[in-house]
Protein backbone atom coordinates (compact mmCIF):
# COMPACT_ATOMS: atom_id res chain seq x y z
CA MET A 1 13.11 24.82 40.99
CA LYS A 2 11.34 26.47 38.11
CA LYS A 3 14.39 26.24 35.84
CA SER A 4 14.74 22.51 36.45
CA MET A 5 11.04 21.94 35.65
CA ILE A 6 11.41 23.90 32.41
CA LYS A 7 14.50 21.86 31.48
CA ILE A 8 12.69 18.58 32.19
CA THR A 9 9.67 19.70 30.18
CA LEU A 10 11.85 20.71 27.23
CA ALA A 11 13.80 17.45 27.41
CA LEU A 12 10.59 15.41 27.41
CA ALA A 13 9.22 17.43 24.49
CA ALA A 14 12.42 16.77 22.53
CA VAL A 15 12.26 13.04 23.27
CA PHE A 16 8.63 12.82 22.10
CA ALA A 17 9.39 14.85 18.97
CA LEU A 18 12.32 12.60 18.07
CA ALA A 19 10.26 9.47 18.68
CA ALA A 20 7.51 10.77 16.41
CA CYS A 21 9.97 11.60 13.63
CA GLY A 22 11.99 8.40 13.96
CA GLY A 23 9.09 5.99 13.88
CA SER A 24 7.90 4.78 10.53
CA ARG A 25 4.19 5.41 10.23
CA GLU A 26 1.99 2.84 8.60
CA PRO A 27 1.37 3.27 4.86
CA GLY A 28 -1.68 5.37 3.96
CA ASP A 29 -3.93 5.86 0.94
CA ALA A 30 -1.39 7.80 -1.13
CA ALA A 31 1.31 5.15 -0.68
CA GLY A 32 -1.11 2.31 -1.41
CA ALA A 33 -2.42 3.93 -4.59
CA ARG A 34 1.14 4.62 -5.78
CA VAL A 35 2.16 0.99 -5.16
CA LEU A 36 -0.90 -0.31 -7.01
CA ARG A 37 -0.29 2.05 -9.95
CA ASN A 38 3.36 0.95 -10.16
CA LEU A 39 2.41 -2.74 -10.05
CA PHE A 40 -0.18 -2.29 -12.80
CA GLN A 41 2.38 -0.48 -14.93
CA ARG A 42 5.00 -3.22 -14.41
CA SER A 43 2.47 -5.92 -15.28
CA GLY A 44 1.33 -4.14 -18.43
CA VAL A 45 -2.22 -3.59 -17.16
CA PRO A 46 -3.63 -0.52 -18.96
CA ALA A 47 -5.60 0.82 -16.01
CA ASN A 48 -6.30 4.08 -14.22
CA ILE A 49 -7.09 4.25 -10.53
CA VAL A 50 -10.32 6.22 -10.23
CA SER A 51 -10.60 5.86 -6.45
CA PHE A 52 -8.55 4.17 -3.76
CA LYS A 53 -9.15 3.75 -0.04
CA LYS A 54 -7.34 1.78 2.61
CA THR A 55 -9.90 -0.28 4.51
CA GLN A 56 -7.72 -2.05 7.04
CA GLY A 57 -4.10 -2.68 7.95
CA ARG A 58 -2.07 -4.44 10.55
CA GLU A 59 1.54 -4.83 11.54
CA ALA A 60 2.85 -8.34 12.10
CA HIS A 61 6.15 -9.99 12.89
CA ILE A 62 6.95 -12.97 10.66
CA GLY A 63 10.21 -14.73 11.43
CA THR A 64 12.73 -11.92 11.75
CA GLN A 65 10.80 -9.49 9.54
CA ASP A 66 8.31 -6.79 10.53
CA VAL A 67 5.59 -6.62 7.89
CA TYR A 68 2.45 -4.63 7.24
CA GLU A 69 -0.63 -6.16 5.66
CA TYR A 70 -2.75 -3.57 3.89
CA TRP A 71 -6.28 -4.06 2.52
CA TYR A 72 -7.94 -1.65 0.12
CA GLU A 73 -10.99 -0.91 -2.00
CA SER A 74 -10.53 0.66 -5.39
CA GLU A 75 -12.24 1.58 -8.60
CA ILE A 76 -10.14 0.78 -11.65
CA GLN A 77 -10.92 2.09 -15.14
CA PHE A 78 -9.70 0.43 -18.35
CA PRO A 79 -9.47 3.28 -20.92
CA ASP A 80 -8.82 0.91 -23.84
CA GLY A 81 -10.47 -2.21 -22.44
CA TYR A 82 -8.56 -5.16 -21.02
CA ASP A 83 -8.57 -8.95 -21.25
CA ALA A 84 -7.67 -10.28 -17.80
CA LYS A 85 -6.33 -13.82 -18.10
CA CYS A 86 -6.74 -14.94 -14.53
CA ALA A 87 -7.50 -18.66 -14.74
CA GLU A 88 -3.84 -19.42 -15.48
CA GLU A 89 -2.29 -16.96 -12.99
CA LYS A 90 -0.27 -19.15 -10.63
CA GLU A 91 1.68 -16.45 -8.78
CA ARG A 92 0.45 -13.19 -7.31
CA GLY A 93 -0.03 -10.94 -10.31
CA PRO A 94 -2.43 -8.47 -11.92
CA CYS A 95 -5.54 -10.55 -11.24
CA ALA A 96 -4.81 -10.67 -7.51
CA LEU A 97 -4.37 -6.88 -7.55
CA LEU A 98 -7.67 -6.50 -9.39
CA GLY A 99 -9.37 -8.87 -6.95
CA ILE A 100 -10.61 -11.30 -9.62
CA ALA A 101 -9.93 -15.01 -10.04
CA ALA A 102 -11.55 -15.90 -13.37
CA ASP A 103 -10.85 -14.67 -16.90
CA GLN A 104 -12.72 -11.46 -17.53
CA THR A 105 -12.96 -8.98 -20.40
CA PHE A 106 -13.40 -5.29 -19.64
CA GLN A 107 -14.85 -2.96 -22.25
CA LYS A 108 -13.38 0.42 -23.14
CA ASN A 109 -13.72 2.81 -20.15
CA GLU A 110 -15.34 0.12 -17.99
CA ILE A 111 -14.82 0.56 -14.24
CA LEU A 112 -14.15 -2.36 -11.91
CA LYS A 113 -14.89 -2.04 -8.19
CA SER A 114 -12.36 -4.25 -6.47
CA GLU A 115 -10.83 -5.20 -3.16
CA GLY A 116 -7.29 -6.36 -2.68
CA SER A 117 -4.25 -6.39 -0.45
CA LEU A 118 -0.71 -5.10 -0.53
CA HIS A 119 2.30 -6.19 1.49
CA PHE A 120 5.04 -4.05 3.01
CA SER A 121 8.25 -4.93 4.89
CA LYS A 122 9.82 -2.62 7.46
CA THR A 123 13.23 -1.18 6.55
CA GLY A 124 15.46 1.50 8.02
CA LYS A 125 13.87 3.96 5.57
CA GLY A 126 10.22 3.14 6.31
CA TRP A 127 8.14 0.50 4.56
CA ALA A 128 9.35 -1.33 1.42
CA ALA A 129 6.43 -2.27 -0.81
CA GLU A 130 5.92 -4.94 -3.44
CA ASP A 131 6.92 -2.42 -6.11
CA LYS A 132 10.43 -2.34 -4.54
CA ASN A 133 10.10 1.31 -3.39
CA ASP A 134 10.26 2.67 0.16
CA TYR A 135 7.32 4.58 1.59
């Protein structure tokens, strides 16, 4: 009897271990900051992320796609200043990432405290982000 209990216990432990490894965990602070940095770089926004913190997130199922909505707070520094032209931004771009809607000029080394959101889609490799990388 003891041997069968040990076998069952080991089998259950293996199942739980495989389930933990196989599941794709939700994106955390490091992934969010990396996505934001990549998106700024692609958009030509000369900014450094001073601080970044995920504030909320939720999984959802839209149509046939599993998605993850991710909200964050950040502090963004503009080492050389930056003219954000937001009034004419019609698609999701740098201004949405900065959390501003109107044109705004940032002085050299000015820091913006902002809130924003990122979007991820579930793939076989984890979560694909807006920057086209898997996390």
